[in-house]
Amino acid sequence: MDPFGSATALAAAIRNREISPVEAANTYLERIDRINPGINAIVWRNDDEVRAAAREAERAVVAGEPLSPFHGVPIPIKDLSDVAGQPNTHSSLAISDTPRAESSLVVQKLQAAGFLLMGRTNSPELGPLTVSENRRHGTTRNPWNTDYTPGGSSGGAAAAVAAGLAPIAHASDGGGSIRVPSSACGLVGLKPSRARVPQEVFAWEHSTVEGAIARSVADSAAILDAMSGTDPHAWYSAPVPERPFASEVGANPGRLRIGMLLEAPTGLPVDPDCVEAARKLAHVLEGAGHHVFDAAPLLFSREAIDAFQVIISASVWATGFDDVSQVDPYIAYRIKQAEGFHSGLYARAAAQLQLESRRIVAQWGRDFDVLLTPTMATTTPPVGVVLEEANNNPGGARETEIRMISFTSFCNMSGQPAISLPVHADNRGLPVGAQLVGAPFGEAQLIALAAQAEDHFRWQDRLAPAPAEVLS
């Protein structure tokens, strides 16, 4: 079987008895044995459980039992989400490896869809960093060039898919954590709308979302169908889509008005390759009949952005640490920052985000239908740079990290869906993505638009170097 094939194609092959779940599991586990030491994407393994689950999945196929959409397809879980019986250290030395008693809602959704849970992927400590490097599990490297980061916080997930260690990977996004690593690793990263995928807690003042990193738009749409749904126990849920998201692949989105933003909302410089990625995507979408024009949208104020950072720090403070003395300096800084931010200031910051969001999201459908931007303002940095900046000067500018999320974080603050598409490569051969941002709950339109671009770019056919090259 092709380890770089799509998750939906693998699921179909399993249903049609062309590939067995055992063959699929063994293929990926053997590649993890061989390739993972050079990139460190998978940081915890459960091989015996995976093989046992694969045998049970094979038995169900042979017995002709009803099969879920992704029956027998392996998927790794990011090391920020709970799986019953597995540790969840949040990639931190400050949290023990005691197995968790219950699985997160998104994990339950993935299991109900038939996925086989295969290991855990690396992230930064507790999540708030744009690289997947920590003292608990070490450094995750980019399969395209191991001197460079795969991004974060879902960097382990992206590296696993890019290296062919999994057909698709669970991920999450609080400020760009699906889209940044997707851009760095040449993959498709769909950040769903707020509350599209059920969560026990919508952290970072309702800015975090669960999702996946995939090779194709079809896989991104199909797994969103599997993960999403109304949660009767939540404060609120996203509106039910008119039809399955998978049916939007190949659908006609109509002639859309696409505003293009090339200047970073943070005011920081944008690398030429990042601009070129956005322009390439714009050219293809114009060729598909859409109207693309320069835009200067209203986005969040400097005060709101600063408030959001302290809101993240408050969530870090609320983590259940076993030994808080073990955290890295940049996490310790966030904890101290939260302790100086009283509840009245938090309430004011949360209100400011809500009020500014109303004016921001009103532009979609009024001034343009979709916003097109570079995914990042910088090309992918070498390993070590971002973590060193964070630890050496936690309260400073940390310019590399901010440039990585200059175009992504506002979507989390406003709750809007966005997708990163791998449309370009720099002179180092590293992928560079462009981003499409939709109206609230507008995933269907983004999927249809992204599928049009995929027909032109065929990015799923471009693979990271062979394992021997990766490890050399």
Protein backbone atom coordinates (compact mmCIF):
# COMPACT_ATOMS: atom_id res chain seq x y z
CA MET A 1 0.00 0.00 0.00
CA ASP A 2 1.02 3.62 -0.56
CA PRO A 3 1.83 5.23 2.83
CA PHE A 4 1.34 8.65 1.21
CA GLY A 5 -2.14 7.78 -0.01
CA SER A 6 -5.21 9.57 1.30
CA ALA A 7 -7.11 8.49 4.38
CA THR A 8 -10.39 8.34 2.43
CA ALA A 9 -8.80 6.13 -0.23
CA LEU A 10 -7.38 3.83 2.44
CA ALA A 11 -10.79 3.60 4.11
CA ALA A 12 -12.37 2.66 0.77
CA ALA A 13 -9.70 0.03 0.12
CA ILE A 14 -10.33 -1.49 3.55
CA ARG A 15 -14.09 -1.59 2.96
CA ASN A 16 -13.51 -3.23 -0.44
CA ARG A 17 -11.10 -5.77 1.09
CA GLU A 18 -8.24 -4.58 -1.11
CA ILE A 19 -6.12 -3.71 1.94
CA SER A 20 -6.55 -5.13 5.41
CA PRO A 21 -6.45 -2.96 8.54
CA VAL A 22 -3.58 -5.15 9.76
CA GLU A 23 -1.57 -4.42 6.61
CA ALA A 24 -2.25 -0.70 7.01
CA ALA A 25 -1.24 -0.64 10.68
CA ASN A 26 1.93 -2.65 10.06
CA THR A 27 2.93 -0.42 7.14
CA TYR A 28 2.79 2.71 9.26
CA LEU A 29 4.32 1.15 12.38
CA GLU A 30 7.26 -0.13 10.34
CA ARG A 31 7.77 3.32 8.81
CA ILE A 32 7.67 4.85 12.30
CA ASP A 33 10.39 2.38 13.35
CA ARG A 34 12.53 3.42 10.40
CA ILE A 35 11.86 7.13 9.88
CA ASN A 36 10.62 8.60 13.14
CA PRO A 37 14.04 8.60 14.87
CA GLY A 38 15.18 11.23 12.37
CA ILE A 39 12.21 13.58 12.82
CA ASN A 40 10.70 12.78 16.25
CA ALA A 41 7.09 13.28 15.21
CA ILE A 42 5.63 10.36 17.22
CA VAL A 43 6.65 10.71 20.87
CA TRP A 44 4.62 7.92 22.50
CA ARG A 45 3.71 4.56 21.01
CA ASN A 46 1.09 1.88 21.61
CA ASP A 47 2.04 -0.64 18.91
CA ASP A 48 0.50 -3.68 20.62
CA GLU A 49 -2.84 -1.91 21.05
CA VAL A 50 -2.77 -0.69 17.45
CA ARG A 51 -2.16 -4.17 16.10
CA ALA A 52 -4.87 -5.66 18.33
CA ALA A 53 -7.35 -3.01 17.19
CA ALA A 54 -6.35 -3.66 13.57
CA ARG A 55 -7.03 -7.38 13.96
CA GLU A 56 -10.46 -6.61 15.41
CA ALA A 57 -11.14 -4.18 12.56
CA GLU A 58 -10.15 -6.88 10.07
CA ARG A 59 -12.49 -9.36 11.73
CA ALA A 60 -15.38 -6.89 11.37
CA VAL A 61 -14.65 -6.46 7.66
CA VAL A 62 -14.53 -10.22 7.04
CA ALA A 63 -17.74 -10.72 9.05
CA GLY A 64 -19.56 -8.15 6.92
CA GLU A 65 -20.44 -5.96 9.88
CA PRO A 66 -21.49 -2.30 9.38
CA LEU A 67 -18.36 -0.17 9.04
CA SER A 68 -17.77 3.44 10.05
CA PRO A 69 -16.41 5.91 7.45
CA PHE A 70 -12.75 5.53 8.48
CA HIS A 71 -12.91 1.94 9.68
CA GLY A 72 -9.40 0.58 10.24
CA VAL A 73 -7.51 3.77 9.32
CA PRO A 74 -4.66 4.66 11.75
CA ILE A 75 -4.44 8.17 13.20
CA PRO A 76 -2.06 9.66 15.79
CA ILE A 77 -3.35 11.98 18.52
CA LYS A 78 -1.65 15.26 19.45
CA ASP A 79 -0.04 15.26 22.88
CA LEU A 80 -2.47 17.85 24.22
CA SER A 81 -5.65 15.71 24.10
CA ASP A 82 -6.72 12.95 26.47
CA VAL A 83 -7.04 9.31 25.44
CA ALA A 84 -8.31 6.86 28.06
CA GLY A 85 -5.43 4.67 29.22
CA GLN A 86 -2.74 6.89 27.68
CA PRO A 87 -0.57 9.56 29.31
CA ASN A 88 -1.14 13.18 28.35
CA THR A 89 1.84 15.17 29.53
CA HIS A 90 1.02 18.18 27.35
CA SER A 91 4.66 17.73 26.24
CA SER A 92 5.77 19.12 29.62
CA LEU A 93 8.04 17.85 32.37
CA ALA A 94 5.67 19.58 34.80
CA ILE A 95 2.86 17.07 34.12
CA SER A 96 3.08 13.39 35.03
CA ASP A 97 2.59 10.48 32.64
CA THR A 98 -0.28 9.01 34.65
CA PRO A 99 -2.78 7.46 32.19
CA ARG A 100 -5.96 9.46 31.69
CA ALA A 101 -9.31 8.01 32.73
CA GLU A 102 -11.42 9.38 29.86
CA SER A 103 -10.94 10.39 26.25
CA SER A 104 -11.52 13.92 24.98
CA LEU A 105 -14.69 14.45 22.97
CA VAL A 106 -12.75 14.77 19.71
CA VAL A 107 -11.00 11.46 20.37
CA GLN A 108 -14.36 9.81 21.02
CA LYS A 109 -15.57 11.20 17.69
CA LEU A 110 -12.53 9.82 15.88
CA GLN A 111 -12.99 6.39 17.40
CA ALA A 112 -16.68 6.41 16.50
CA ALA A 113 -15.64 7.14 12.92
CA GLY A 114 -13.58 3.94 12.92
CA PHE A 115 -10.06 5.34 13.28
CA LEU A 116 -7.39 3.27 15.04
CA LEU A 117 -5.54 5.45 17.57
CA MET A 118 -1.84 5.12 16.75
CA GLY A 119 0.56 6.90 19.09
CA ARG A 120 0.86 10.53 20.13
CA THR A 121 2.49 13.43 18.28
CA ASN A 122 4.77 16.12 19.65
CA SER A 123 3.76 19.68 20.49
CA PRO A 124 5.35 22.59 22.36
CA GLU A 125 4.97 22.61 26.12
CA LEU A 126 1.24 23.22 26.83
CA GLY A 127 0.70 24.45 23.26
CA PRO A 128 1.45 28.20 23.08
CA LEU A 129 4.45 28.21 20.74
CA THR A 130 4.86 27.92 16.96
CA VAL A 131 7.40 25.07 17.05
CA SER A 132 7.21 21.54 18.48
CA GLU A 133 10.23 21.55 20.74
CA ASN A 134 10.29 20.79 24.45
CA ARG A 135 12.39 19.22 27.19
CA ARG A 136 9.91 16.37 27.69
CA HIS A 137 10.01 14.85 24.22
CA GLY A 138 12.71 16.77 22.39
CA THR A 139 12.71 18.49 19.00
CA THR A 140 10.48 17.59 16.06
CA ARG A 141 12.09 18.21 12.66
CA ASN A 142 10.69 18.95 9.23
CA PRO A 143 10.74 15.94 6.85
CA TRP A 144 11.51 18.27 3.93
CA ASN A 145 14.75 19.37 5.60
CA THR A 146 15.57 18.28 9.13
CA ASP A 147 17.50 21.48 9.88
CA TYR A 148 14.13 23.26 9.94
CA THR A 149 11.06 23.13 12.15
CA PRO A 150 7.74 21.63 11.04
CA GLY A 151 6.06 24.43 12.98
CA GLY A 152 3.65 24.14 15.85
CA SER A 153 1.84 23.59 17.89
CA SER A 154 0.68 20.63 15.76
CA GLY A 155 4.19 20.14 14.39
CA GLY A 156 4.40 16.46 15.31
CA ALA A 157 1.11 15.85 13.50
CA ALA A 158 2.30 17.64 10.35
CA ALA A 159 5.70 15.93 10.35
CA ALA A 160 4.04 12.53 10.72
CA VAL A 161 1.79 13.06 7.70
CA ALA A 162 4.53 14.66 5.58
CA ALA A 163 6.87 11.74 6.28
CA GLY A 164 4.24 9.11 5.50
CA LEU A 165 4.01 7.88 9.09
CA ALA A 166 0.22 8.32 9.05
CA PRO A 167 -2.36 9.08 6.35
CA ILE A 168 -3.86 11.90 8.42
CA ALA A 169 -3.31 13.29 11.92
CA HIS A 170 -5.37 14.83 14.69
CA ALA A 171 -4.41 18.45 15.42
CA SER A 172 -5.66 21.54 17.21
CA ASP A 173 -5.40 25.29 16.66
CA GLY A 174 -5.45 28.23 19.07
CA GLY A 175 -3.63 30.84 17.02
CA GLY A 176 -2.44 29.05 13.88
CA SER A 177 -1.42 25.65 15.20
CA ILE A 178 -3.02 23.69 12.33
CA ARG A 179 -2.22 26.14 9.55
CA VAL A 180 1.37 27.05 10.44
CA PRO A 181 2.68 23.44 10.44
CA SER A 182 0.60 22.64 7.35
CA SER A 183 2.34 25.50 5.55
CA ALA A 184 5.77 24.37 6.77
CA CYS A 185 5.22 20.74 5.75
CA GLY A 186 3.36 21.10 2.45
CA LEU A 187 -0.03 19.91 3.71
CA VAL A 188 -3.67 21.00 3.91
CA GLY A 189 -4.65 22.53 7.25
CA LEU A 190 -8.31 23.35 7.82
CA LYS A 191 -9.09 25.26 11.01
CA PRO A 192 -12.82 24.81 11.69
CA SER A 193 -15.14 27.50 12.97
CA ARG A 194 -15.56 28.00 16.68
CA ALA A 195 -17.71 25.18 18.16
CA ARG A 196 -17.81 23.19 14.90
CA VAL A 197 -16.02 20.32 16.64
CA PRO A 198 -17.26 19.60 20.18
CA GLN A 199 -14.86 20.29 23.05
CA GLU A 200 -15.27 20.04 26.80
CA VAL A 201 -13.75 23.52 27.16
CA PHE A 202 -13.32 26.14 24.45
CA ALA A 203 -10.03 27.41 25.84
CA TRP A 204 -8.25 30.72 25.29
CA GLU A 205 -11.59 32.55 25.55
CA HIS A 206 -13.29 30.25 23.00
CA SER A 207 -10.44 30.53 20.48
CA THR A 208 -9.12 26.96 20.41
CA VAL A 209 -10.50 24.38 17.99
CA GLU A 210 -9.89 20.70 17.27
CA GLY A 211 -9.16 19.55 13.73
CA ALA A 212 -6.76 17.59 11.53
CA ILE A 213 -3.82 17.92 9.15
CA ALA A 214 -4.15 16.09 5.84
CA ARG A 215 -2.65 15.69 2.39
CA SER A 216 -5.83 16.57 0.49
CA VAL A 217 -8.93 18.73 0.69
CA ALA A 218 -11.13 15.62 0.43
CA ASP A 219 -9.52 14.14 3.54
CA SER A 220 -9.88 17.45 5.40
CA ALA A 221 -13.58 17.63 4.53
CA ALA A 222 -14.34 14.00 5.35
CA ILE A 223 -12.64 14.07 8.75
CA LEU A 224 -14.43 17.32 9.57
CA ASP A 225 -17.71 15.45 8.95
CA ALA A 226 -16.48 12.78 11.37
CA MET A 227 -15.39 15.21 14.11
CA SER A 228 -18.17 17.79 13.94
CA GLY A 229 -21.74 17.71 15.17
CA THR A 230 -24.11 19.29 17.64
CA ASP A 231 -23.15 18.86 21.28
CA PRO A 232 -26.32 18.83 23.41
CA HIS A 233 -24.30 19.37 26.60
CA ALA A 234 -22.29 22.39 25.42
CA TRP A 235 -23.11 26.06 25.93
CA TYR A 236 -23.48 26.35 22.16
CA SER A 237 -22.77 24.48 18.90
CA ALA A 238 -22.06 25.54 15.34
CA PRO A 239 -25.04 25.50 12.94
CA VAL A 240 -25.63 22.17 11.22
CA PRO A 241 -24.26 22.32 7.64
CA GLU A 242 -26.70 22.06 4.73
CA ARG A 243 -25.00 18.85 3.57
CA PRO A 244 -21.88 16.83 4.42
CA PHE A 245 -18.64 18.75 4.02
CA ALA A 246 -17.27 15.93 1.86
CA SER A 247 -19.88 16.74 -0.77
CA GLU A 248 -18.40 20.24 -1.16
CA VAL A 249 -15.28 18.81 -2.82
CA GLY A 250 -15.89 19.39 -6.52
CA ALA A 251 -18.96 21.54 -5.89
CA ASN A 252 -19.25 24.88 -7.63
CA PRO A 253 -18.75 27.69 -5.07
CA GLY A 254 -20.06 30.27 -7.52
CA ARG A 255 -18.14 33.40 -8.50
CA LEU A 256 -16.69 34.73 -5.27
CA ARG A 257 -15.28 38.11 -4.29
CA ILE A 258 -11.87 37.38 -2.80
CA GLY A 259 -10.06 40.15 -0.96
CA MET A 260 -6.27 39.75 -0.86
CA LEU A 261 -4.26 40.98 2.13
CA LEU A 262 -0.48 40.89 1.72
CA GLU A 263 0.62 43.19 4.55
CA ALA A 264 0.86 41.55 7.97
CA PRO A 265 -1.76 42.79 10.48
CA THR A 266 1.06 42.91 13.04
CA GLY A 267 2.99 45.45 10.96
CA LEU A 268 5.99 43.11 10.66
CA PRO A 269 7.71 42.43 7.33
CA VAL A 270 6.44 39.66 5.05
CA ASP A 271 8.97 37.49 3.22
CA PRO A 272 8.75 37.63 -0.60
CA ASP A 273 8.12 33.88 -0.83
CA CYS A 274 5.11 34.23 1.45
CA VAL A 275 3.74 37.02 -0.76
CA GLU A 276 4.43 34.89 -3.82
CA ALA A 277 2.43 31.99 -2.35
CA ALA A 278 -0.59 34.24 -1.92
CA ARG A 279 -0.19 35.70 -5.41
CA LYS A 280 0.06 32.22 -6.95
CA LEU A 281 -3.16 31.17 -5.27
CA ALA A 282 -4.83 34.42 -6.33
CA HIS A 283 -3.83 33.82 -9.97
CA VAL A 284 -5.31 30.31 -9.96
CA LEU A 285 -8.54 31.45 -8.34
CA GLU A 286 -8.86 34.28 -10.85
CA GLY A 287 -8.47 31.67 -13.57
CA ALA A 288 -11.33 29.74 -11.99
CA GLY A 289 -13.57 32.80 -12.47
CA HIS A 290 -13.35 34.50 -9.09
CA HIS A 291 -12.81 38.23 -8.62
CA VAL A 292 -9.61 38.81 -6.63
CA PHE A 293 -8.75 42.33 -5.47
CA ASP A 294 -6.54 44.03 -2.91
CA ALA A 295 -8.21 44.48 0.46
CA ALA A 296 -7.39 46.30 3.67
CA PRO A 297 -9.80 44.76 6.17
CA LEU A 298 -10.40 46.02 9.66
CA LEU A 299 -8.78 43.58 12.09
CA PHE A 300 -8.10 43.53 15.82
CA SER A 301 -6.57 46.48 17.63
CA ARG A 302 -3.18 46.31 19.29
CA GLU A 303 -4.96 46.40 22.65
CA ALA A 304 -7.09 43.37 21.75
CA ILE A 305 -4.07 41.41 20.54
CA ASP A 306 -2.20 42.15 23.78
CA ALA A 307 -5.29 41.15 25.77
CA PHE A 308 -5.51 37.87 23.87
CA GLN A 309 -1.93 37.05 24.83
CA VAL A 310 -2.74 37.51 28.51
CA ILE A 311 -5.90 35.41 28.10
CA ILE A 312 -3.65 32.61 26.79
CA SER A 313 -1.44 33.08 29.83
CA ALA A 314 -4.47 32.74 32.10
CA SER A 315 -5.29 29.39 30.47
CA VAL A 316 -1.69 28.27 30.99
CA TRP A 317 -1.95 29.26 34.67
CA ALA A 318 -5.08 27.12 35.00
CA THR A 319 -3.30 23.95 33.84
CA GLY A 320 -3.20 21.16 36.40
CA PHE A 321 0.58 20.99 37.00
CA ASP A 322 2.18 18.23 39.01
CA ASP A 323 5.42 20.17 39.44
CA VAL A 324 5.22 23.71 38.10
CA SER A 325 8.91 24.28 38.82
CA GLN A 326 9.71 22.12 35.78
CA VAL A 327 8.24 24.43 33.16
CA ASP A 328 10.41 26.30 30.64
CA PRO A 329 11.11 30.02 31.23
CA TYR A 330 8.59 31.20 28.61
CA ILE A 331 5.84 29.19 30.33
CA ALA A 332 6.92 30.46 33.74
CA TYR A 333 6.65 33.99 32.33
CA ARG A 334 3.07 33.35 31.21
CA ILE A 335 2.15 32.01 34.63
CA LYS A 336 3.59 35.10 36.32
CA GLN A 337 1.84 37.34 33.76
CA ALA A 338 -1.50 35.71 34.54
CA GLU A 339 -1.02 36.23 38.27
CA GLY A 340 -0.75 39.97 37.70
CA PHE A 341 -3.94 40.10 35.60
CA HIS A 342 -6.98 40.28 37.89
CA SER A 343 -10.47 39.02 37.06
CA GLY A 344 -11.82 42.46 36.20
CA LEU A 345 -9.12 42.94 33.57
CA TYR A 346 -9.89 39.48 32.17
CA ALA A 347 -13.60 40.34 31.88
CA ARG A 348 -12.77 43.58 30.10
CA ALA A 349 -10.38 41.81 27.70
CA ALA A 350 -12.96 39.13 26.87
CA ALA A 351 -15.59 41.77 26.21
CA GLN A 352 -13.21 43.69 23.96
CA LEU A 353 -12.57 40.59 21.85
CA GLN A 354 -16.30 40.00 21.43
CA LEU A 355 -17.08 43.60 20.53
CA GLU A 356 -14.23 43.94 18.03
CA SER A 357 -15.11 40.56 16.48
CA ARG A 358 -18.58 41.79 15.57
CA ARG A 359 -17.13 44.57 13.41
CA ILE A 360 -14.53 42.28 11.89
CA VAL A 361 -16.76 39.39 10.80
CA ALA A 362 -19.31 41.84 9.34
CA GLN A 363 -16.88 42.45 6.46
CA TRP A 364 -17.38 38.90 5.13
CA GLY A 365 -20.37 38.93 2.78
CA ARG A 366 -20.36 42.73 2.74
CA ASP A 367 -16.90 43.77 1.48
CA PHE A 368 -15.71 40.37 0.25
CA ASP A 369 -16.73 36.72 0.50
CA VAL A 370 -13.33 35.23 1.34
CA LEU A 371 -10.02 36.76 2.45
CA LEU A 372 -6.77 35.47 0.91
CA THR A 373 -3.45 35.94 2.76
CA PRO A 374 -0.07 34.30 3.10
CA THR A 375 -0.27 31.67 5.83
CA MET A 376 2.85 33.03 7.54
CA ALA A 377 4.79 36.27 7.24
CA THR A 378 8.08 34.36 7.36
CA THR A 379 9.36 31.27 5.64
CA THR A 380 9.98 28.27 7.87
CA PRO A 381 12.74 28.97 10.44
CA PRO A 382 15.48 26.55 11.52
CA VAL A 383 14.93 24.39 14.58
CA GLY A 384 15.84 26.06 17.85
CA VAL A 385 15.28 29.67 16.79
CA VAL A 386 11.75 30.19 18.12
CA LEU A 387 12.22 28.29 21.38
CA GLU A 388 15.48 30.12 22.06
CA GLU A 389 13.80 33.49 21.46
CA ALA A 390 10.96 32.53 23.78
CA ASN A 391 13.16 31.35 26.63
CA ASN A 392 15.82 34.05 26.34
CA ASN A 393 13.36 36.95 26.31
CA PRO A 394 9.85 35.74 27.22
CA GLY A 395 8.45 39.25 27.57
CA GLY A 396 10.18 40.61 24.50
CA ALA A 397 9.16 40.99 20.88
CA ARG A 398 9.86 37.35 19.86
CA GLU A 399 9.65 38.47 16.24
CA THR A 400 10.06 35.09 14.52
CA GLU A 401 7.13 33.56 16.39
CA ILE A 402 4.91 36.61 15.84
CA ARG A 403 5.67 36.60 12.13
CA MET A 404 4.63 32.95 11.99
CA ILE A 405 1.16 33.78 13.34
CA SER A 406 0.72 37.28 11.92
CA PHE A 407 -1.97 36.15 9.48
CA THR A 408 -3.47 33.26 11.46
CA SER A 409 -4.23 34.30 15.03
CA PHE A 410 -7.01 36.79 14.25
CA CYS A 411 -9.11 33.91 12.88
CA ASN A 412 -9.02 32.23 16.29
CA MET A 413 -9.90 35.44 18.08
CA SER A 414 -12.92 35.95 15.79
CA GLY A 415 -13.82 32.25 15.59
CA GLN A 416 -13.72 32.09 11.78
CA PRO A 417 -12.76 29.08 9.64
CA ALA A 418 -9.54 29.20 7.62
CA ILE A 419 -7.50 26.82 5.50
CA SER A 420 -3.81 26.76 4.57
CA LEU A 421 -2.94 25.38 1.14
CA PRO A 422 0.61 24.35 0.05
CA VAL A 423 0.94 26.33 -3.17
CA HIS A 424 4.61 27.36 -3.28
CA ALA A 425 8.15 26.38 -2.29
CA ASP A 426 11.10 28.61 -1.41
CA ASN A 427 14.65 28.31 -2.75
CA ARG A 428 15.49 25.81 0.00
CA GLY A 429 12.77 23.51 -1.31
CA LEU A 430 10.61 24.08 1.78
CA PRO A 431 6.85 24.39 1.27
CA VAL A 432 5.13 27.75 1.67
CA GLY A 433 1.37 28.04 2.17
CA ALA A 434 -1.35 30.55 1.41
CA GLN A 435 -4.46 30.96 3.55
CA LEU A 436 -8.15 31.40 2.78
CA VAL A 437 -10.35 32.81 5.56
CA GLY A 438 -14.11 32.31 5.43
CA ALA A 439 -17.15 33.85 7.06
CA PRO A 440 -18.23 32.41 10.40
CA PHE A 441 -19.33 28.79 9.88
CA GLY A 442 -18.32 29.07 6.21
CA GLU A 443 -16.28 25.86 5.97
CA ALA A 444 -18.34 24.58 3.03
CA GLN A 445 -17.36 27.54 0.85
CA LEU A 446 -13.69 27.22 1.82
CA ILE A 447 -13.66 23.50 1.00
CA ALA A 448 -15.19 24.05 -2.44
CA LEU A 449 -12.74 26.87 -3.17
CA ALA A 450 -9.73 24.92 -1.91
CA ALA A 451 -10.71 21.93 -4.05
CA GLN A 452 -10.62 24.16 -7.13
CA ALA A 453 -7.08 25.20 -6.24
CA GLU A 454 -6.05 21.60 -5.57
CA ASP A 455 -7.13 20.61 -9.08
CA HIS A 456 -4.49 23.01 -10.38
CA PHE A 457 -1.61 22.64 -7.91
CA ARG A 458 -1.84 18.86 -7.27
CA TRP A 459 0.15 19.33 -4.05
CA GLN A 460 -0.73 15.83 -2.82
CA ASP A 461 1.61 14.47 -5.50
CA ARG A 462 4.62 16.35 -4.08
CA LEU A 463 6.36 14.33 -1.39
CA ALA A 464 9.02 15.07 1.18
CA PRO A 465 12.43 13.45 0.46
CA ALA A 466 12.87 9.68 0.75
CA PRO A 467 13.72 8.37 4.24
CA ALA A 468 17.41 7.89 3.42
CA GLU A 469 17.63 11.53 2.41
CA VAL A 470 15.75 12.64 5.53
CA LEU A 471 18.11 10.78 7.82
CA SER A 472 21.35 11.74 6.06
